[in-house]
């Protein structure tokens, strides 16, 4: 089908080989090469279409973005031209990033302005939330760890996106990476009259220039003074949408502070809520000033939460130890006097060591609360001191024992070369850990966090790694043969020389480039669920 892009056309659908629209007579072949085949969306600023390039072999698919000025006056046309030239310049500068669509062409025709961009197949996060329901806290944290490095890239290139929202973030089908689209919002002046007339439907407001989306754009941006921290607010507002399925504009504001009242409707941990609260601060001064700062806070929050769980586990251990002591005292009359003295001394020493460990962890937690930089530089371990060897390296028995007692945090630990075959470690945190040559063969590692971990030549053969998190991990030379990697995330992970023969990558977030660096065979199941060589 050929689709007419004339906004006044009464019947835009035409035959595949049509040159002119049968309803309005408009030319269907833009720039003598681009043929629109489907309408993607329409808003106050214009419309977008899926198109094919008839001049190139195979007629590759692309996206055409059309600006439709509300008036044909020279002044309005000049402003529209400036808007699209700015978006084209921005895309040309940053379009070499894998999470930004490439600019393919830019032209003006019949007082309409067109951008031709790389087609990104997939669903937006807005569509995903509507289909699957609200995201979990863990899923939103993963979203932040994927989107904030991209925002940093934009800011490093002196670009403020100004319209980050779920509808402008696509999860690409081929690799499950998040792609940020729509760079049409600019910070040039918008008249106050136009601002008041911005449509209230949630579409990007277009007057003389785009200014952002109500609910996702902070106050300073709506007042035409956007800063880099404005994008941080928009990312936080996107988190609210993912957690609730509702646009932030539906939440009330505190009339005294102008802060968004969202906490009663979002069910997340208090520590993560504190991170979101700072992202969504009404005042720019109180907000995170950079994506790096927000990422550091997210890391600190994760380690604080793990530390709290560790303290709770220690208290349970001490209570259990005291109960054992009572049982021993109840039966100690059966021992000889000398044996009683030895047992009593052993019990006192064990209790003293457990209490000292609890006091030390409490003091460290207090220090972390008062000094966040300390938490960033020192990743607290939740293992008892006796389970750590003199050189700081844990042994396999200590890891299994600690996990069996309810501990889940092995972040920043050195587990190099350990034999952990057939271990149950689902949900464990190995963030930034040293796992080179570790043997996890046949282990249960469902939803385990290997973010930034070093897994060089690690053995993960036949292990269950469903929904495992490998973002920024180093898996060079790792053995993943036959591993279950359904919905695992490999964003920006190093897979050079990794063996994925027979692995199940259904729904995994992994790029073609990454797969090209790894070894696969006809038994490897692709992210689309089909078998075959990549």
Protein backbone atom coordinates (compact mmCIF):
# COMPACT_ATOMS: atom_id res chain seq x y z
CA UNK A 1 0.00 0.00 0.00
CA UNK A 2 1.07 3.57 -0.72
CA UNK A 3 -0.02 6.15 1.83
CA UNK A 4 -0.68 9.80 1.00
CA UNK A 5 1.01 12.25 3.40
CA UNK A 6 -1.20 15.19 2.46
CA UNK A 7 -2.89 16.19 5.77
CA UNK A 8 -6.06 17.23 3.89
CA UNK A 9 -6.42 14.00 1.92
CA UNK A 10 -9.86 12.39 2.46
CA UNK A 11 -8.67 8.87 1.51
CA UNK A 12 -4.88 8.45 1.95
CA UNK A 13 -4.69 4.71 1.14
CA UNK A 14 -3.60 3.88 -2.42
CA UNK A 15 -2.37 0.94 -4.48
CA UNK A 16 1.24 -0.23 -4.09
CA UNK A 17 2.34 1.01 -7.52
CA UNK A 18 0.39 4.29 -7.54
CA UNK A 19 2.40 7.42 -8.39
CA UNK A 20 -0.26 9.97 -7.47
CA UNK A 21 -2.98 9.83 -4.84
CA UNK A 22 -6.30 8.88 -6.41
CA UNK A 23 -8.20 11.00 -3.86
CA UNK A 24 -6.28 14.30 -3.84
CA UNK A 25 -3.72 14.03 -6.65
CA UNK A 26 -0.66 14.50 -4.37
CA UNK A 27 2.65 12.94 -5.36
CA UNK A 28 3.14 9.66 -3.46
CA UNK A 29 6.87 9.40 -4.14
CA UNK A 30 8.65 11.93 -1.92
CA UNK A 31 11.96 13.22 -3.27
CA UNK A 32 11.39 10.67 -6.09
CA UNK A 33 12.38 7.81 -3.78
CA UNK A 34 10.49 7.59 -0.46
CA UNK A 35 7.06 5.95 -0.45
CA UNK A 36 5.01 6.10 2.76
CA UNK A 37 3.24 2.80 3.45
CA UNK A 38 1.72 3.29 6.91
CA UNK A 39 0.86 6.10 9.32
CA UNK A 40 2.62 5.74 12.68
CA UNK A 41 1.21 8.67 14.60
CA UNK A 42 0.01 12.23 14.51
CA UNK A 43 0.27 15.11 16.96
CA UNK A 44 0.19 18.86 17.17
CA UNK A 45 3.52 19.21 15.37
CA UNK A 46 2.90 16.88 12.42
CA UNK A 47 2.93 13.18 11.63
CA UNK A 48 5.23 10.17 11.24
CA UNK A 49 5.05 7.40 8.66
CA UNK A 50 6.70 4.07 7.94
CA UNK A 51 8.17 4.27 4.45
CA UNK A 52 10.36 2.39 1.98
CA UNK A 53 13.25 3.72 -0.08
CA UNK A 54 12.44 2.72 -3.67
CA UNK A 55 15.89 3.68 -4.95
CA UNK A 56 17.91 1.29 -2.80
CA UNK A 57 18.14 -2.48 -3.40
CA UNK A 58 15.68 -4.39 -1.29
CA UNK A 59 13.68 -1.22 -0.63
CA UNK A 60 14.74 -0.85 3.03
CA UNK A 61 12.26 0.44 5.57
CA UNK A 62 12.69 3.89 7.11
CA UNK A 63 10.65 6.44 9.07
CA UNK A 64 9.52 9.78 7.68
CA UNK A 65 8.76 12.56 10.10
CA UNK A 66 6.66 15.35 8.60
CA UNK A 67 6.27 18.80 10.13
CA UNK A 68 2.93 20.40 9.38
CA UNK A 69 3.03 24.15 10.13
CA UNK A 70 -0.32 25.52 11.21
CA UNK A 71 0.10 28.46 8.84
CA UNK A 72 1.77 29.13 5.52
CA UNK A 73 2.87 32.62 6.48
CA UNK A 74 6.57 33.35 5.86
CA UNK A 75 7.21 33.80 9.60
CA UNK A 76 5.72 30.44 10.57
CA UNK A 77 7.47 28.66 7.71
CA UNK A 78 10.77 30.20 8.76
CA UNK A 79 10.29 28.99 12.35
CA UNK A 80 9.39 25.50 11.12
CA UNK A 81 12.50 25.47 8.96
CA UNK A 82 14.65 26.43 11.95
CA UNK A 83 13.06 23.69 14.03
CA UNK A 84 13.78 20.92 11.56
CA UNK A 85 17.24 22.18 10.71
CA UNK A 86 18.04 22.07 14.40
CA UNK A 87 16.70 18.54 14.80
CA UNK A 88 18.60 17.40 11.70
CA UNK A 89 21.80 18.98 13.04
CA UNK A 90 21.29 17.28 16.42
CA UNK A 91 20.68 13.86 14.88
CA UNK A 92 23.66 14.30 12.61
CA UNK A 93 25.87 15.01 15.62
CA UNK A 94 24.72 12.19 17.91
CA UNK A 95 23.32 9.63 15.45
CA UNK A 96 26.37 7.36 15.62
CA UNK A 97 25.22 6.04 19.01
CA UNK A 98 23.53 2.59 18.90
CA UNK A 99 20.60 3.86 20.99
CA UNK A 100 19.82 6.86 18.76
CA UNK A 101 18.19 6.47 15.30
CA UNK A 102 20.44 7.57 12.42
CA UNK A 103 19.46 10.50 10.23
CA UNK A 104 19.17 9.34 6.58
CA UNK A 105 17.83 12.44 4.80
CA UNK A 106 16.31 15.88 5.32
CA UNK A 107 14.37 17.93 2.77
CA UNK A 108 11.57 20.44 2.15
CA UNK A 109 8.77 19.88 -0.36
CA UNK A 110 5.60 21.89 -1.04
CA UNK A 111 6.01 23.90 2.17
CA UNK A 112 6.24 20.67 4.19
CA UNK A 113 9.39 19.60 6.02
CA UNK A 114 10.61 16.01 6.18
CA UNK A 115 13.18 14.07 8.20
CA UNK A 116 14.02 10.51 7.10
CA UNK A 117 15.39 8.34 9.88
CA UNK A 118 16.46 4.78 10.56
CA UNK A 119 13.48 2.53 11.32
CA UNK A 120 13.49 1.09 14.85
CA UNK A 121 11.24 -1.95 15.15
CA UNK A 122 9.79 -2.56 18.57
CA UNK A 123 7.37 -1.28 21.17
CA UNK A 124 7.57 1.92 23.14
CA UNK A 125 7.74 1.67 26.92
CA UNK A 126 4.28 3.24 26.99
CA UNK A 127 2.92 0.38 24.89
CA UNK A 128 4.87 -2.13 26.98
CA UNK A 129 3.42 -0.81 30.25
CA UNK A 130 -0.10 -0.86 28.83
CA UNK A 131 0.32 -4.42 27.59
CA UNK A 132 2.10 -5.95 30.60
CA UNK A 133 1.05 -3.65 33.43
CA UNK A 134 3.25 -1.59 35.78
CA UNK A 135 6.96 -2.40 36.07
CA UNK A 136 8.50 -3.82 39.23
CA UNK A 137 11.05 -1.85 41.26
CA UNK A 138 13.81 -4.11 39.93
CA UNK A 139 12.73 -3.54 36.31
CA UNK A 140 12.66 0.23 36.80
CA UNK A 141 16.18 0.14 38.27
CA UNK A 142 17.31 -1.78 35.18
CA UNK A 143 15.65 0.88 33.02
CA UNK A 144 17.59 3.60 34.84
CA UNK A 145 20.88 1.77 34.41
CA UNK A 146 20.24 1.56 30.67
CA UNK A 147 18.82 5.03 29.98
CA UNK A 148 21.03 7.21 32.20
CA UNK A 149 24.29 6.36 30.33
CA UNK A 150 22.51 7.38 27.10
CA UNK A 151 21.39 10.67 28.66
CA UNK A 152 25.00 11.21 29.74
CA UNK A 153 26.10 10.73 26.10
CA UNK A 154 23.61 13.39 24.98
CA UNK A 155 24.73 15.84 27.65
CA UNK A 156 28.39 15.21 26.84
CA UNK A 157 27.50 16.32 23.31
CA UNK A 158 25.74 19.43 24.67
CA UNK A 159 22.27 18.14 23.78
CA UNK A 160 19.26 18.41 26.09
CA UNK A 161 16.56 16.08 24.79
CA UNK A 162 13.67 17.94 26.51
CA UNK A 163 11.03 15.31 25.68
CA UNK A 164 12.04 12.08 27.43
CA UNK A 165 8.91 10.04 28.12
CA UNK A 166 7.72 6.41 27.71
CA UNK A 167 6.28 7.12 24.25
CA UNK A 168 9.70 8.29 23.04
CA UNK A 169 11.65 5.25 24.24
CA UNK A 170 11.49 2.10 22.08
CA UNK A 171 12.67 -1.33 23.15
CA UNK A 172 14.22 -2.51 19.90
CA UNK A 173 13.10 -5.99 18.80
CA UNK A 174 16.44 -7.22 17.45
CA UNK A 175 18.45 -6.72 20.65
CA UNK A 176 16.01 -5.42 23.31
CA UNK A 177 18.07 -2.25 23.72
CA UNK A 178 16.31 0.98 24.62
CA UNK A 179 16.36 3.56 21.81
CA UNK A 180 15.53 7.23 22.41
CA UNK A 181 13.61 8.95 19.61
CA UNK A 182 12.13 12.36 18.74
CA UNK A 183 14.78 15.05 19.03
CA UNK A 184 12.46 17.79 17.81
CA UNK A 185 12.09 19.68 21.09
CA UNK A 186 14.26 22.81 21.21
CA UNK A 187 14.68 25.62 23.72
CA UNK A 188 14.03 28.66 21.53
CA UNK A 189 11.46 31.15 22.75
CA UNK A 190 7.78 30.31 22.77
CA UNK A 191 5.24 33.07 23.30
CA UNK A 192 3.20 33.03 26.49
CA UNK A 193 -0.02 32.99 24.46
CA UNK A 194 1.14 29.92 22.58
CA UNK A 195 2.20 28.29 25.84
CA UNK A 196 -1.28 28.72 27.30
CA UNK A 197 -2.78 27.20 24.16
CA UNK A 198 -0.59 24.08 24.30
CA UNK A 199 -2.89 21.11 23.91
CA UNK A 200 -3.75 19.22 27.07
CA UNK A 201 -3.97 15.76 25.55
CA UNK A 202 -0.46 14.74 26.50
CA UNK A 203 1.00 15.21 23.00
CA UNK A 204 4.15 17.26 22.60
CA UNK A 205 3.06 20.88 22.66
CA UNK A 206 3.88 22.64 19.37
CA UNK A 207 3.50 26.38 19.07
CA UNK A 208 6.32 28.16 17.35
CA UNK A 209 8.64 25.48 18.78
CA UNK A 210 8.27 22.27 20.76
CA UNK A 211 8.73 22.65 24.52
CA UNK A 212 8.02 19.21 25.96
CA UNK A 213 5.19 17.12 27.33
CA UNK A 214 3.09 18.29 30.32
CA UNK A 215 3.75 16.04 33.31
CA UNK A 216 7.16 14.91 32.07
CA UNK A 217 8.71 18.36 31.58
CA UNK A 218 9.76 20.19 34.78
CA UNK A 219 8.75 23.72 35.70
CA UNK A 220 11.88 25.42 34.41
CA UNK A 221 11.47 23.79 31.02
CA UNK A 222 7.83 24.80 30.72
CA UNK A 223 9.03 28.32 31.59
CA UNK A 224 11.42 28.09 28.60
CA UNK A 225 14.59 27.76 30.69
CA UNK A 226 15.60 24.07 30.28
CA UNK A 227 18.87 22.83 31.76
CA UNK A 228 20.61 19.44 31.71
CA UNK A 229 18.87 18.51 34.98
CA UNK A 230 15.53 18.93 33.15
CA UNK A 231 16.21 15.60 31.43
CA UNK A 232 16.87 14.01 34.86
CA UNK A 233 13.38 15.11 35.96
CA UNK A 234 11.86 13.63 32.78
CA UNK A 235 13.61 10.30 33.43
CA UNK A 236 12.21 10.31 36.99
CA UNK A 237 8.74 11.10 35.67
CA UNK A 238 9.10 8.21 33.23
CA UNK A 239 9.87 5.94 36.21
CA UNK A 240 6.58 7.05 37.82
CA UNK A 241 4.71 6.11 34.67
CA UNK A 242 6.38 2.71 34.51
CA UNK A 243 5.60 2.03 38.18
CA UNK A 244 1.95 3.16 38.04
CA UNK A 245 0.84 3.19 34.40
CA UNK A 246 -0.30 6.80 34.89
CA UNK A 247 1.05 10.04 33.49
CA UNK A 248 2.64 12.25 36.19
CA UNK A 249 0.25 15.04 35.23
CA UNK A 250 -2.52 13.06 36.95
CA UNK A 251 -0.77 13.40 40.34
CA UNK A 252 -1.44 16.40 42.55
CA UNK A 253 1.11 19.05 43.48
CA UNK A 254 1.83 20.47 46.90
CA UNK A 255 0.62 24.11 46.61
CA UNK A 256 3.30 25.31 49.03
CA UNK A 257 6.38 23.54 47.63
CA UNK A 258 5.10 22.71 44.09
CA UNK A 259 6.49 19.20 44.61
CA UNK A 260 4.68 16.32 42.91
CA UNK A 261 2.69 14.17 45.39
CA UNK A 262 3.43 10.65 44.17
CA UNK A 263 4.72 8.65 47.15
CA UNK A 264 1.31 7.29 48.38
CA UNK A 265 0.69 5.71 44.96
CA UNK A 266 4.10 4.11 44.30
CA UNK A 267 5.09 0.92 46.11
CA UNK A 268 8.88 0.87 46.22
CA UNK A 269 11.49 0.62 48.97
CA UNK A 270 12.17 3.77 50.99
CA UNK A 271 15.76 3.88 49.76
CA UNK A 272 14.74 3.79 46.10
CA UNK A 273 11.97 6.30 46.79
CA UNK A 274 14.65 8.70 48.05
CA UNK A 275 16.45 8.39 44.69
CA UNK A 276 13.24 9.09 42.77
CA UNK A 277 12.41 11.99 45.07
CA UNK A 278 15.68 13.72 44.21
CA UNK A 279 15.22 13.09 40.50
CA UNK A 280 11.75 14.67 40.71
CA UNK A 281 12.68 17.66 42.89
CA UNK A 282 10.78 20.76 41.76
CA UNK A 283 13.80 22.98 42.34
CA UNK A 284 16.74 22.44 40.00
CA UNK A 285 19.13 23.02 42.92
CA UNK A 286 17.68 20.02 44.80
CA UNK A 287 17.80 17.69 41.80
CA UNK A 288 20.63 15.46 40.59
CA UNK A 289 22.75 17.63 38.33
CA UNK A 290 24.01 14.86 36.04
CA UNK A 291 23.20 11.27 35.00
CA UNK A 292 26.46 10.14 36.67
CA UNK A 293 25.28 11.53 40.00
CA UNK A 294 21.96 9.71 39.67
CA UNK A 295 23.73 6.44 38.78
CA UNK A 296 26.03 6.74 41.80
CA UNK A 297 23.03 7.30 44.05
CA UNK A 298 21.35 4.23 42.55
CA UNK A 299 24.44 2.13 43.31
CA UNK A 300 24.59 3.46 46.89
CA UNK A 301 20.89 2.69 47.34
CA UNK A 302 21.38 -0.90 46.16
CA UNK A 303 24.25 -1.49 48.58
CA UNK A 304 22.43 0.12 51.51
CA UNK A 305 19.45 -2.12 50.89
CA UNK A 306 21.69 -5.18 50.78
CA UNK A 307 23.45 -4.06 53.96
CA UNK A 308 20.11 -3.74 55.77
CA UNK A 309 19.21 -7.26 54.68
CA UNK A 310 22.61 -8.41 55.96
CA UNK A 311 22.08 -6.79 59.34
CA UNK A 312 18.69 -8.47 59.62
CA UNK A 313 20.30 -11.80 58.77
CA UNK A 314 22.98 -11.28 61.43
CA UNK A 315 20.35 -10.59 64.08
CA UNK A 316 18.60 -13.83 63.14
CA UNK A 317 21.93 -15.65 63.30
CA UNK A 318 22.67 -14.26 66.77
CA UNK A 319 19.18 -15.26 68.00
CA UNK A 320 19.70 -18.73 66.57
CA UNK A 321 23.10 -18.95 68.25
CA UNK A 322 21.63 -17.92 71.61
CA UNK A 323 18.96 -20.60 71.25
CA UNK A 324 21.66 -23.19 70.58
CA UNK A 325 23.51 -21.95 73.68
CA UNK A 326 20.42 -22.45 75.82
CA UNK A 327 20.05 -26.00 74.51
CA UNK A 328 23.70 -26.68 75.19
CA UNK A 329 23.39 -25.30 78.74
CA UNK A 330 20.33 -27.45 79.29
CA UNK A 331 22.33 -30.57 78.46
CA UNK A 332 25.77 -29.55 79.74
CA UNK A 333 25.25 -31.38 83.07
CA UNK A 334 25.96 -34.57 81.09
CA UNK A 335 29.52 -33.36 80.42
CA UNK A 336 32.53 -33.65 82.67
CA UNK A 337 33.58 -30.48 84.61
CA UNK A 338 36.54 -29.89 82.25
CA UNK A 339 34.36 -30.33 79.15
CA UNK A 340 31.82 -27.88 80.62
CA UNK A 341 34.52 -25.20 80.94
CA UNK A 342 35.65 -25.72 77.33
CA UNK A 343 32.07 -25.55 76.00
CA UNK A 344 31.27 -22.44 78.04
CA UNK A 345 34.43 -20.69 76.78
CA UNK A 346 33.59 -21.60 73.16
CA UNK A 347 30.04 -20.29 73.47
CA UNK A 348 31.16 -16.99 75.02
CA UNK A 349 33.69 -16.42 72.24
CA UNK A 350 31.12 -17.16 69.50
CA UNK A 351 28.58 -14.75 71.00
CA UNK A 352 31.22 -12.05 71.45
CA UNK A 353 32.29 -12.37 67.79
CA UNK A 354 28.68 -12.20 66.52
CA UNK A 355 27.91 -9.09 68.60
CA UNK A 356 31.12 -7.38 67.44
CA UNK A 357 30.21 -8.04 63.81
CA UNK A 358 26.73 -6.61 64.32
CA UNK A 359 28.08 -3.46 66.05
CA UNK A 360 30.63 -2.97 63.25
CA UNK A 361 28.00 -3.27 60.53
CA UNK A 362 25.69 -0.87 62.39
CA UNK A 363 28.48 1.69 62.66
CA UNK A 364 29.29 1.32 58.97
CA UNK A 365 25.65 1.77 58.01
CA UNK A 366 25.54 4.98 60.06
CA UNK A 367 28.69 6.22 58.36
CA UNK A 368 27.23 5.46 54.94
CA UNK A 369 24.07 7.41 55.75
CA UNK A 370 26.09 10.46 56.77
CA UNK A 371 28.68 10.16 53.99
CA UNK A 372 27.35 8.78 50.64
CA UNK A 373 30.81 8.92 49.08
CA UNK A 374 31.95 6.32 51.61
CA UNK A 375 29.29 3.93 50.33
CA UNK A 376 30.45 4.46 46.76
CA UNK A 377 34.10 3.72 47.54
CA UNK A 378 33.51 0.85 50.00
CA UNK A 379 31.10 -1.94 49.06
CA UNK A 380 30.14 -3.60 52.35
CA UNK A 381 30.08 -7.40 52.39
CA UNK A 382 27.34 -9.17 54.31
CA UNK A 383 29.42 -12.27 55.00
CA UNK A 384 30.67 -13.07 58.50
CA UNK A 385 34.40 -12.35 58.96
CA UNK A 386 35.16 -16.01 59.55
CA UNK A 387 34.00 -16.89 56.04
CA UNK A 388 36.65 -14.71 54.39
CA UNK A 389 40.15 -16.05 53.83
CA UNK A 390 43.17 -14.08 54.97
CA UNK A 391 43.79 -12.79 51.42
CA UNK A 392 40.19 -11.49 51.09
CA UNK A 393 39.09 -14.25 48.67
CA UNK A 394 35.99 -16.25 49.61
CA UNK A 395 35.92 -20.00 49.17
CA UNK A 396 33.07 -21.93 47.54
CA UNK A 397 31.87 -23.41 50.82
CA UNK A 398 31.59 -19.94 52.39
CA UNK A 399 29.56 -18.64 49.44
CA UNK A 400 27.08 -21.54 49.57
CA UNK A 401 26.81 -21.33 53.36
CA UNK A 402 26.22 -17.58 53.30
CA UNK A 403 23.55 -17.94 50.61
CA UNK A 404 21.87 -20.72 52.56
CA UNK A 405 21.61 -18.40 55.55
CA UNK A 406 19.76 -15.83 53.47
CA UNK A 407 22.58 -13.58 52.29
CA UNK A 408 22.37 -12.41 48.68
CA UNK A 409 25.05 -9.74 48.28
CA UNK A 410 28.41 -10.80 46.84
CA UNK A 411 28.97 -7.47 45.11
CA UNK A 412 32.61 -6.46 44.65
CA UNK A 413 33.76 -9.85 46.03
CA UNK A 414 36.73 -11.76 44.60
CA UNK A 415 35.43 -15.22 43.63
CA UNK A 416 38.07 -15.88 40.99
CA UNK A 417 38.43 -19.56 40.08
CA UNK A 418 35.88 -20.92 42.57
CA UNK A 419 34.14 -24.21 41.81
CA UNK A 420 30.44 -23.43 42.31
CA UNK A 421 29.02 -26.11 40.05
CA UNK A 422 25.32 -26.97 40.54
CA UNK A 423 24.89 -24.20 43.10
CA UNK A 424 21.58 -22.52 43.88
CA UNK A 425 22.28 -18.77 43.81
CA UNK A 426 19.15 -17.32 42.21
CA UNK A 427 18.66 -13.61 42.81
CA UNK A 428 22.22 -13.18 44.10
CA UNK A 429 24.02 -9.88 43.57
CA UNK A 430 27.47 -10.18 41.94
CA UNK A 431 27.64 -6.54 40.85
CA UNK A 432 31.24 -5.49 40.07
CA UNK A 433 32.54 -8.85 41.40
CA UNK A 434 35.67 -10.63 40.13
CA UNK A 435 34.40 -13.95 38.71
CA UNK A 436 37.17 -14.81 36.26
CA UNK A 437 37.36 -18.57 35.56
CA UNK A 438 34.63 -19.27 38.15
CA UNK A 439 32.71 -22.51 37.48
CA UNK A 440 28.92 -22.00 37.61
CA UNK A 441 28.13 -25.02 35.42
CA UNK A 442 24.57 -26.26 35.93
CA UNK A 443 23.83 -23.62 38.57
CA UNK A 444 20.53 -21.87 39.28
CA UNK A 445 21.29 -18.17 38.69
CA UNK A 446 17.81 -16.90 37.82
CA UNK A 447 17.61 -13.07 38.04
CA UNK A 448 21.19 -12.86 39.32
CA UNK A 449 22.87 -9.45 38.96
CA UNK A 450 26.25 -9.59 37.17
CA UNK A 451 26.33 -5.88 36.29
CA UNK A 452 29.92 -4.68 35.65
CA UNK A 453 31.25 -8.06 36.86
CA UNK A 454 34.38 -9.62 35.33
CA UNK A 455 33.51 -13.11 34.04
CA UNK A 456 36.53 -13.68 31.77
CA UNK A 457 36.67 -17.40 30.83
CA UNK A 458 33.96 -18.19 33.38
CA UNK A 459 32.04 -21.45 32.94
CA UNK A 460 28.27 -20.90 32.84
CA UNK A 461 27.52 -23.99 30.80
CA UNK A 462 23.98 -25.42 31.16
CA UNK A 463 23.19 -22.89 33.91
CA UNK A 464 19.79 -21.25 34.36
CA UNK A 465 20.33 -17.52 33.78
CA UNK A 466 16.76 -16.51 33.02
CA UNK A 467 16.41 -12.72 33.44
CA UNK A 468 20.02 -12.43 34.57
CA UNK A 469 21.56 -8.94 34.40
CA UNK A 470 24.90 -8.69 32.54
CA UNK A 471 24.89 -4.96 31.71
CA UNK A 472 28.49 -3.71 31.25
CA UNK A 473 29.85 -7.14 32.30
CA UNK A 474 33.01 -8.63 30.77
CA UNK A 475 32.21 -12.12 29.43
CA UNK A 476 35.22 -12.46 27.15
CA UNK A 477 35.90 -16.15 26.47
CA UNK A 478 33.09 -17.28 28.80
CA UNK A 479 31.48 -20.69 28.25
CA UNK A 480 27.69 -20.27 27.96
CA UNK A 481 26.95 -23.42 25.99
CA UNK A 482 23.41 -24.68 26.58
CA UNK A 483 22.70 -21.90 29.08
CA UNK A 484 19.13 -20.71 29.56
CA UNK A 485 19.41 -16.95 28.88
CA UNK A 486 15.74 -16.14 28.37
CA UNK A 487 15.17 -12.37 28.84
CA UNK A 488 18.73 -11.87 30.06
CA UNK A 489 20.16 -8.37 29.59
CA UNK A 490 23.57 -8.00 27.88
CA UNK A 491 23.48 -4.26 27.19
CA UNK A 492 27.05 -3.01 26.59
CA UNK A 493 28.49 -6.34 27.79
CA UNK A 494 31.73 -7.67 26.26
CA UNK A 495 30.98 -11.02 24.56
CA UNK A 496 34.18 -11.32 22.54
CA UNK A 497 34.94 -15.03 22.14
CA UNK A 498 32.05 -16.11 24.39
CA UNK A 499 30.59 -19.51 23.47
CA UNK A 500 26.80 -19.33 22.99
CA UNK A 501 26.40 -22.61 21.11
CA UNK A 502 23.08 -24.17 22.07
CA UNK A 503 22.16 -21.28 24.37
CA UNK A 504 18.55 -20.07 24.58
CA UNK A 505 18.48 -16.29 24.01
CA UNK A 506 14.73 -15.91 23.59
CA UNK A 507 13.79 -12.33 24.52
CA UNK A 508 17.36 -11.50 25.56
CA UNK A 509 18.60 -7.93 25.22
CA UNK A 510 21.63 -8.48 23.03
CA UNK A 511 22.79 -6.71 19.87
CA UNK A 512 23.81 -8.18 16.52
CA UNK A 513 27.26 -6.68 17.06
CA UNK A 514 27.63 -8.55 20.36
CA UNK A 515 26.45 -11.80 18.79
CA UNK A 516 28.91 -11.31 15.95
CA UNK A 517 31.73 -11.31 18.51
CA UNK A 518 30.51 -14.54 20.12
CA UNK A 519 30.40 -18.16 18.92
CA UNK A 520 26.97 -19.55 17.96
CA UNK A 521 25.68 -22.55 16.05
CA UNK A 522 22.43 -23.86 14.56
CA UNK A 523 21.25 -24.94 18.03
CA UNK A 524 21.48 -21.40 19.41
CA UNK A 525 18.02 -19.91 19.86
CA UNK A 526 17.90 -16.29 18.71
CA UNK A 527 16.23 -13.47 20.68
CA UNK A 528 13.23 -13.82 18.34
CA UNK A 529 12.82 -17.45 19.45
CA UNK A 530 14.10 -19.04 16.24
CA UNK A 531 17.12 -21.31 15.84
CA UNK A 532 19.97 -20.68 13.44
CA UNK A 533 23.39 -19.16 12.84
CA UNK A 534 23.54 -15.43 13.51
